[in-house]
C-alpha atoms as a PDB file:
ATOM      1  CA  UNK A   1       1.079   5.431  24.210  1.00  0.00           C
ATOM      2  CA  UNK A   2      -1.663   3.387  25.918  1.00  0.00           C
ATOM      3  CA  UNK A   3      -5.066   2.089  24.981  1.00  0.00           C
ATOM      4  CA  UNK A   4      -7.476   1.513  27.823  1.00  0.00           C
ATOM      5  CA  UNK A   5      -9.477  -1.754  27.715  1.00  0.00           C
ATOM      6  CA  UNK A   6     -12.628   0.182  28.509  1.00  0.00           C
ATOM      7  CA  UNK A   7     -12.079   3.732  27.209  1.00  0.00           C
ATOM      8  CA  UNK A   8     -15.755   4.646  27.313  1.00  0.00           C
ATOM      9  CA  UNK A   9     -15.861   4.279  31.079  1.00  0.00           C
ATOM     10  CA  UNK A  10     -13.011   6.784  31.499  1.00  0.00           C
ATOM     11  CA  UNK A  11     -14.091   9.335  28.915  1.00  0.00           C
ATOM     12  CA  UNK A  12     -17.774   9.609  29.673  1.00  0.00           C
ATOM     13  CA  UNK A  13     -18.676  11.636  32.731  1.00  0.00           C
ATOM     14  CA  UNK A  14     -20.926   9.325  34.839  1.00  0.00           C
ATOM     15  CA  UNK A  15     -22.349  12.280  36.753  1.00  0.00           C
ATOM     16  CA  UNK A  16     -23.685  13.823  33.548  1.00  0.00           C
ATOM     17  CA  UNK A  17     -25.067  10.815  31.700  1.00  0.00           C
ATOM     18  CA  UNK A  18     -26.634   7.537  32.731  1.00  0.00           C
ATOM     19  CA  UNK A  19     -25.102   5.353  30.013  1.00  0.00           C
ATOM     20  CA  UNK A  20     -21.876   5.363  27.980  1.00  0.00           C
ATOM     21  CA  UNK A  21     -23.399   6.342  24.661  1.00  0.00           C
ATOM     22  CA  UNK A  22     -24.729   9.425  22.940  1.00  0.00           C
ATOM     23  CA  UNK A  23     -28.269  10.125  24.028  1.00  0.00           C
ATOM     24  CA  UNK A  24     -30.874  11.478  21.589  1.00  0.00           C
ATOM     25  CA  UNK A  25     -32.340  14.833  22.467  1.00  0.00           C
ATOM     26  CA  UNK A  26     -36.016  15.685  22.607  1.00  0.00           C
ATOM     27  CA  UNK A  27     -37.257  17.688  19.653  1.00  0.00           C
ATOM     28  CA  UNK A  28     -38.063  20.967  21.376  1.00  0.00           C
ATOM     29  CA  UNK A  29     -36.641  23.372  18.810  1.00  0.00           C
ATOM     30  CA  UNK A  30     -34.838  23.504  15.473  1.00  0.00           C
ATOM     31  CA  UNK A  31     -31.537  24.215  17.252  1.00  0.00           C
ATOM     32  CA  UNK A  32     -31.640  21.099  19.448  1.00  0.00           C
ATOM     33  CA  UNK A  33     -28.677  18.737  18.826  1.00  0.00           C
ATOM     34  CA  UNK A  34     -29.395  15.239  17.548  1.00  0.00           C
ATOM     35  CA  UNK A  35     -27.097  13.769  20.237  1.00  0.00           C
ATOM     36  CA  UNK A  36     -24.950  14.823  23.183  1.00  0.00           C
ATOM     37  CA  UNK A  37     -21.840  13.125  24.556  1.00  0.00           C
ATOM     38  CA  UNK A  38     -20.650  14.624  27.857  1.00  0.00           C
ATOM     39  CA  UNK A  39     -16.899  14.164  28.341  1.00  0.00           C
ATOM     40  CA  UNK A  40     -15.175  13.634  31.679  1.00  0.00           C
ATOM     41  CA  UNK A  41     -12.572  16.335  30.989  1.00  0.00           C
ATOM     42  CA  UNK A  42     -12.000  19.513  28.986  1.00  0.00           C
ATOM     43  CA  UNK A  43     -12.081  19.283  25.185  1.00  0.00           C
ATOM     44  CA  UNK A  44      -9.456  21.354  23.324  1.00  0.00           C
ATOM     45  CA  UNK A  45      -9.844  20.338  19.671  1.00  0.00           C
ATOM     46  CA  UNK A  46     -11.921  18.005  17.469  1.00  0.00           C
ATOM     47  CA  UNK A  47     -11.693  16.690  13.913  1.00  0.00           C
ATOM     48  CA  UNK A  48     -14.190  14.700  11.800  1.00  0.00           C
ATOM     49  CA  UNK A  49     -13.180  12.189   9.126  1.00  0.00           C
ATOM     50  CA  UNK A  50     -15.446  10.143   6.845  1.00  0.00           C
ATOM     51  CA  UNK A  51     -13.371   7.165   5.643  1.00  0.00           C
ATOM     52  CA  UNK A  52     -16.154   5.450   3.711  1.00  0.00           C
ATOM     53  CA  UNK A  53     -19.798   5.699   2.677  1.00  0.00           C
ATOM     54  CA  UNK A  54     -22.683   3.697   4.141  1.00  0.00           C
ATOM     55  CA  UNK A  55     -21.498   1.492   6.989  1.00  0.00           C
ATOM     56  CA  UNK A  56     -22.087  -2.237   7.023  1.00  0.00           C
ATOM     57  CA  UNK A  57     -22.348  -2.249  10.794  1.00  0.00           C
ATOM     58  CA  UNK A  58     -25.926  -0.997  10.929  1.00  0.00           C
ATOM     59  CA  UNK A  59     -28.341  -0.788   8.072  1.00  0.00           C
ATOM     60  CA  UNK A  60     -29.163   2.682   6.871  1.00  0.00           C
ATOM     61  CA  UNK A  61     -26.385   4.502   8.757  1.00  0.00           C
ATOM     62  CA  UNK A  62     -23.412   6.588   7.653  1.00  0.00           C
ATOM     63  CA  UNK A  63     -20.256   6.183   9.750  1.00  0.00           C
ATOM     64  CA  UNK A  64     -17.621   8.793  10.474  1.00  0.00           C
ATOM     65  CA  UNK A  65     -14.638   9.054  12.783  1.00  0.00           C
ATOM     66  CA  UNK A  66     -14.260  11.810  15.349  1.00  0.00           C
ATOM     67  CA  UNK A  67     -10.932  12.556  17.021  1.00  0.00           C
ATOM     68  CA  UNK A  68     -11.166  14.506  20.271  1.00  0.00           C
ATOM     69  CA  UNK A  69      -8.094  16.179  21.768  1.00  0.00           C
ATOM     70  CA  UNK A  70      -8.135  16.330  25.559  1.00  0.00           C
ATOM     71  CA  UNK A  71      -5.705  17.453  28.265  1.00  0.00           C
ATOM     72  CA  UNK A  72      -3.428  14.409  28.028  1.00  0.00           C
ATOM     73  CA  UNK A  73      -5.028  11.990  25.573  1.00  0.00           C
ATOM     74  CA  UNK A  74      -6.871  11.555  22.310  1.00  0.00           C
ATOM     75  CA  UNK A  75     -10.259   9.849  22.053  1.00  0.00           C
ATOM     76  CA  UNK A  76     -11.271   8.183  18.778  1.00  0.00           C
ATOM     77  CA  UNK A  77     -15.051   7.959  18.449  1.00  0.00           C
ATOM     78  CA  UNK A  78     -17.144   6.296  15.756  1.00  0.00           C
ATOM     79  CA  UNK A  79     -20.202   8.369  14.881  1.00  0.00           C
ATOM     80  CA  UNK A  80     -23.107   6.764  13.011  1.00  0.00           C
ATOM     81  CA  UNK A  81     -25.668   9.086  11.419  1.00  0.00           C
ATOM     82  CA  UNK A  82     -28.978   7.585  10.354  1.00  0.00           C
ATOM     83  CA  UNK A  83     -30.188   8.440   6.864  1.00  0.00           C
ATOM     84  CA  UNK A  84     -33.251  10.674   6.851  1.00  0.00           C
ATOM     85  CA  UNK A  85     -35.578   7.957   5.536  1.00  0.00           C
ATOM     86  CA  UNK A  86     -34.557   5.559   8.335  1.00  0.00           C
ATOM     87  CA  UNK A  87     -37.102   6.839  10.863  1.00  0.00           C
ATOM     88  CA  UNK A  88     -36.766   3.778  13.121  1.00  0.00           C
ATOM     89  CA  UNK A  89     -33.097   4.508  13.931  1.00  0.00           C
ATOM     90  CA  UNK A  90     -31.745   7.037  16.402  1.00  0.00           C
ATOM     91  CA  UNK A  91     -30.483  10.082  14.424  1.00  0.00           C
ATOM     92  CA  UNK A  92     -26.951   9.711  15.821  1.00  0.00           C
ATOM     93  CA  UNK A  93     -25.047   7.082  17.765  1.00  0.00           C
ATOM     94  CA  UNK A  94     -21.515   7.362  19.174  1.00  0.00           C
ATOM     95  CA  UNK A  95     -19.053   4.710  20.307  1.00  0.00           C
ATOM     96  CA  UNK A  96     -15.592   5.319  21.783  1.00  0.00           C
ATOM     97  CA  UNK A  97     -13.157   3.086  19.857  1.00  0.00           C
ATOM     98  CA  UNK A  98      -9.795   4.081  21.337  1.00  0.00           C
ATOM     99  CA  UNK A  99      -8.311   6.253  24.047  1.00  0.00           C
ATOM    100  CA  UNK A 100      -4.614   7.043  23.587  1.00  0.00           C
ATOM    101  CA  UNK A 101      -2.232   8.800  25.950  1.00  0.00           C
ATOM    102  CA  UNK A 102      -0.717  12.050  24.722  1.00  0.00           C
ATOM    103  CA  UNK A 103       2.305  13.956  25.999  1.00  0.00           C
ATOM    104  CA  UNK A 104       0.523  17.029  27.332  1.00  0.00           C
ATOM    105  CA  UNK A 105      -2.422  18.987  26.002  1.00  0.00           C
ATOM    106  CA  UNK A 106      -3.563  18.376  22.435  1.00  0.00           C
ATOM    107  CA  UNK A 107      -3.371  21.738  20.661  1.00  0.00           C
ATOM    108  CA  UNK A 108      -4.394  20.584  17.177  1.00  0.00           C
ATOM    109  CA  UNK A 109      -4.948  17.379  15.236  1.00  0.00           C
ATOM    110  CA  UNK A 110      -5.553  16.163  11.698  1.00  0.00           C
ATOM    111  CA  UNK A 111      -6.547  12.909   9.997  1.00  0.00           C
ATOM    112  CA  UNK A 112      -4.430  11.220   7.360  1.00  0.00           C
ATOM    113  CA  UNK A 113      -6.493  10.850   4.180  1.00  0.00           C
ATOM    114  CA  UNK A 114      -5.362   7.211   3.942  1.00  0.00           C
ATOM    115  CA  UNK A 115      -7.303   6.296   7.095  1.00  0.00           C
ATOM    116  CA  UNK A 116      -9.602   3.329   6.414  1.00  0.00           C
ATOM    117  CA  UNK A 117     -11.801   1.965   9.179  1.00  0.00           C
ATOM    118  CA  UNK A 118     -12.869  -1.003   7.037  1.00  0.00           C
ATOM    119  CA  UNK A 119      -9.221  -2.125   6.923  1.00  0.00           C
ATOM    120  CA  UNK A 120      -8.706  -1.267  10.603  1.00  0.00           C
ATOM    121  CA  UNK A 121      -6.118   1.367   9.665  1.00  0.00           C
ATOM    122  CA  UNK A 122      -6.338   4.697  11.483  1.00  0.00           C
ATOM    123  CA  UNK A 123      -3.733   7.428  11.185  1.00  0.00           C
ATOM    124  CA  UNK A 124      -3.703  10.975  12.537  1.00  0.00           C
ATOM    125  CA  UNK A 125      -1.262  13.650  13.684  1.00  0.00           C
ATOM    126  CA  UNK A 126      -1.295  15.871  16.753  1.00  0.00           C
ATOM    127  CA  UNK A 127       0.435  19.069  17.773  1.00  0.00           C
ATOM    128  CA  UNK A 128       1.251  19.864  21.393  1.00  0.00           C
ATOM    129  CA  UNK A 129       3.412  22.291  23.327  1.00  0.00           C
ATOM    130  CA  UNK A 130       6.301  21.600  20.914  1.00  0.00           C
ATOM    131  CA  UNK A 131       6.066  18.161  19.337  1.00  0.00           C
ATOM    132  CA  UNK A 132       4.291  17.008  16.201  1.00  0.00           C
ATOM    133  CA  UNK A 133       3.409  13.325  16.562  1.00  0.00           C
ATOM    134  CA  UNK A 134       1.927  10.871  14.070  1.00  0.00           C
ATOM    135  CA  UNK A 135      -0.173   7.995  15.462  1.00  0.00           C
ATOM    136  CA  UNK A 136      -0.854   4.818  13.477  1.00  0.00           C
ATOM    137  CA  UNK A 137      -3.404   2.256  14.675  1.00  0.00           C
ATOM    138  CA  UNK A 138      -3.726  -1.008  12.752  1.00  0.00           C
ATOM    139  CA  UNK A 139      -4.285  -4.721  13.251  1.00  0.00           C
ATOM    140  CA  UNK A 140      -0.538  -5.133  13.845  1.00  0.00           C
ATOM    141  CA  UNK A 141      -0.610  -2.714  16.782  1.00  0.00           C
ATOM    142  CA  UNK A 142      -0.137   0.963  17.600  1.00  0.00           C
ATOM    143  CA  UNK A 143       2.788   3.216  16.760  1.00  0.00           C
ATOM    144  CA  UNK A 144       3.662   6.813  17.512  1.00  0.00           C
ATOM    145  CA  UNK A 145       6.398   8.753  15.729  1.00  0.00           C
ATOM    146  CA  UNK A 146       7.580  12.199  16.828  1.00  0.00           C
ATOM    147  CA  UNK A 147       8.729  14.426  13.960  1.00  0.00           C
ATOM    148  CA  UNK A 148      12.446  15.295  14.037  1.00  0.00           C
ATOM    149  CA  UNK A 149      13.917  18.799  14.403  1.00  0.00           C
ATOM    150  CA  UNK A 150      10.512  20.083  15.399  1.00  0.00           C
ATOM    151  CA  UNK A 151       9.055  23.261  16.862  1.00  0.00           C
ATOM    152  CA  UNK A 152      10.220  25.131  19.954  1.00  0.00           C
ATOM    153  CA  UNK A 153       6.818  26.537  20.959  1.00  0.00           C
ATOM    154  CA  UNK A 154       3.112  25.658  20.809  1.00  0.00           C
ATOM    155  CA  UNK A 155       1.884  24.048  17.587  1.00  0.00           C
ATOM    156  CA  UNK A 156      -1.159  25.964  16.268  1.00  0.00           C
ATOM    157  CA  UNK A 157      -2.214  23.922  13.250  1.00  0.00           C
ATOM    158  CA  UNK A 158      -1.341  20.736  11.407  1.00  0.00           C
ATOM    159  CA  UNK A 159      -2.397  19.195   8.078  1.00  0.00           C
ATOM    160  CA  UNK A 160      -1.684  16.096   5.997  1.00  0.00           C
ATOM    161  CA  UNK A 161      -1.034  16.554   2.299  1.00  0.00           C
ATOM    162  CA  UNK A 162      -4.004  15.072   0.351  1.00  0.00           C
ATOM    163  CA  UNK A 163      -1.658  13.048  -1.860  1.00  0.00           C
ATOM    164  CA  UNK A 164       2.053  12.740  -2.598  1.00  0.00           C
ATOM    165  CA  UNK A 165       3.586  15.685  -4.418  1.00  0.00           C
ATOM    166  CA  UNK A 166       4.800  15.272  -7.979  1.00  0.00           C
ATOM    167  CA  UNK A 167       7.989  13.219  -8.039  1.00  0.00           C
ATOM    168  CA  UNK A 168       7.822  12.485  -4.312  1.00  0.00           C
ATOM    169  CA  UNK A 169       6.909   9.391  -2.338  1.00  0.00           C
ATOM    170  CA  UNK A 170       6.664  11.012   1.099  1.00  0.00           C
ATOM    171  CA  UNK A 171       3.446  11.171   3.062  1.00  0.00           C
ATOM    172  CA  UNK A 172       3.829  14.780   4.074  1.00  0.00           C
ATOM    173  CA  UNK A 173       2.504  16.615   7.126  1.00  0.00           C
ATOM    174  CA  UNK A 174       2.791  20.401   7.594  1.00  0.00           C
ATOM    175  CA  UNK A 175       2.618  22.324  10.863  1.00  0.00           C
ATOM    176  CA  UNK A 176       2.629  25.951  12.022  1.00  0.00           C
ATOM    177  CA  UNK A 177       3.733  27.203  15.416  1.00  0.00           C
ATOM    178  CA  UNK A 178       4.065  30.121  17.815  1.00  0.00           C
ATOM    179  CA  UNK A 179       7.819  29.871  17.158  1.00  0.00           C
ATOM    180  CA  UNK A 180       7.065  31.650  13.837  1.00  0.00           C
ATOM    181  CA  UNK A 181       7.934  28.628  11.701  1.00  0.00           C
ATOM    182  CA  UNK A 182       6.239  26.465   9.105  1.00  0.00           C
ATOM    183  CA  UNK A 183       7.666  22.934   9.115  1.00  0.00           C
ATOM    184  CA  UNK A 184       7.088  20.122   6.615  1.00  0.00           C
ATOM    185  CA  UNK A 185       7.908  16.530   7.576  1.00  0.00           C
ATOM    186  CA  UNK A 186       7.843  13.080   6.021  1.00  0.00           C
ATOM    187  CA  UNK A 187       5.281  11.523   8.354  1.00  0.00           C
ATOM    188  CA  UNK A 188       6.565   7.971   7.741  1.00  0.00           C
ATOM    189  CA  UNK A 189      10.163   8.593   8.791  1.00  0.00           C
ATOM    190  CA  UNK A 190       9.856  11.780  10.847  1.00  0.00           C
ATOM    191  CA  UNK A 191      12.474  13.468   8.668  1.00  0.00           C
ATOM    192  CA  UNK A 192      12.137  17.244   8.298  1.00  0.00           C
ATOM    193  CA  UNK A 193      11.855  18.222   4.635  1.00  0.00           C
ATOM    194  CA  UNK A 194      11.403  22.006   4.728  1.00  0.00           C
ATOM    195  CA  UNK A 195      11.378  24.859   7.240  1.00  0.00           C
ATOM    196  CA  UNK A 196      10.283  28.458   6.741  1.00  0.00           C
ATOM    197  CA  UNK A 197      10.641  31.235   9.325  1.00  0.00           C
ATOM    198  CA  UNK A 198       8.132  34.112   9.405  1.00  0.00           C
ATOM    199  CA  UNK A 199       8.108  37.389  11.315  1.00  0.00           C
ATOM    200  CA  UNK A 200       5.085  36.362  13.411  1.00  0.00           C
ATOM    201  CA  UNK A 201       3.503  33.104  14.650  1.00  0.00           C
ATOM    202  CA  UNK A 202       2.173  30.719  11.997  1.00  0.00           C
ATOM    203  CA  UNK A 203      -1.488  30.261  12.940  1.00  0.00           C
ATOM    204  CA  UNK A 204      -2.932  28.127  10.141  1.00  0.00           C
ATOM    205  CA  UNK A 205      -1.707  25.637   7.529  1.00  0.00           C
ATOM    206  CA  UNK A 206      -3.933  24.194   4.792  1.00  0.00           C
ATOM    207  CA  UNK A 207      -3.304  22.073   1.687  1.00  0.00           C
ATOM    208  CA  UNK A 208      -5.286  22.832  -1.449  1.00  0.00           C
ATOM    209  CA  UNK A 209      -7.799  19.949  -1.852  1.00  0.00           C
ATOM    210  CA  UNK A 210      -7.467  19.887  -5.640  1.00  0.00           C
ATOM    211  CA  UNK A 211      -3.880  21.068  -6.140  1.00  0.00           C
ATOM    212  CA  UNK A 212      -2.166  18.885  -3.564  1.00  0.00           C
ATOM    213  CA  UNK A 213       1.251  20.453  -4.135  1.00  0.00           C
ATOM    214  CA  UNK A 214       0.034  23.877  -2.942  1.00  0.00           C
ATOM    215  CA  UNK A 215       0.350  24.724   0.757  1.00  0.00           C
ATOM    216  CA  UNK A 216      -1.166  27.798   2.437  1.00  0.00           C
ATOM    217  CA  UNK A 217       0.368  29.251   5.609  1.00  0.00           C
ATOM    218  CA  UNK A 218      -1.152  32.195   7.485  1.00  0.00           C
ATOM    219  CA  UNK A 219       0.763  34.461   9.857  1.00  0.00           C
ATOM    220  CA  UNK A 220      -0.730  36.082  12.944  1.00  0.00           C
ATOM    221  CA  UNK A 221       0.167  39.566  11.619  1.00  0.00           C
ATOM    222  CA  UNK A 222      -2.312  39.098   8.775  1.00  0.00           C
ATOM    223  CA  UNK A 223      -0.142  37.820   5.920  1.00  0.00           C
ATOM    224  CA  UNK A 224      -0.826  34.610   3.998  1.00  0.00           C
ATOM    225  CA  UNK A 225       1.635  32.664   1.856  1.00  0.00           C
ATOM    226  CA  UNK A 226       1.109  29.935  -0.742  1.00  0.00           C
ATOM    227  CA  UNK A 227       3.978  27.529  -1.343  1.00  0.00           C
ATOM    228  CA  UNK A 228       4.559  25.076  -4.167  1.00  0.00           C
ATOM    229  CA  UNK A 229       5.778  21.768  -2.713  1.00  0.00           C
ATOM    230  CA  UNK A 230       7.368  20.748  -6.006  1.00  0.00           C
ATOM    231  CA  UNK A 231       9.900  23.582  -5.801  1.00  0.00           C
ATOM    232  CA  UNK A 232       8.858  24.920  -2.366  1.00  0.00           C
ATOM    233  CA  UNK A 233       8.751  28.490  -3.630  1.00  0.00           C
ATOM    234  CA  UNK A 234       6.148  31.097  -2.779  1.00  0.00           C
ATOM    235  CA  UNK A 235       3.475  31.179  -5.504  1.00  0.00           C
END
């Protein structure tokens, strides 16, 4: 895992933009984007995360984090949206915070709900050709942990549990793969907790936002399953 001292210079395509920042677009139609950030290589997956409310970095702006999965790395970008009444600010500004090497193409990624930019703690998971990896970025440094006894084919989707299940202290991450399995890992230790084999590839995994013990897995053949993490039985 490597962080480049000047990630913006590597990620922004100099032939497509004159400066390493999002540029506001002219208001020519209602479908015009508020900002555009040309990348220097192909984008495979993106994920937004809003770790806090109004940012203290610039008055009247709302900050979010954007993770961008590329061919062999992940870019972490801070996105600041101006509030509607702040007419003097650009509607959207982007700044590349980190650029991290990744073992192969990033197939999917997900933010840990405990991510907190104010505390300089960023945590996310990625899925690649086989591996599920959890990245932690903090003031003490950067760490990557590959989940144990993982998949044997491409990882299609990945999701952090919103909060610990009843009676459990693990910070759980679920993943679905072309190998027809749903895997659940303790993201802190990498230990595999559960594994379920389906008759077709597992294309999507989602935790219920209100009932954090409920996990949805969808098969490619058109069948969906809901599991209860407390007993890990189909609901």
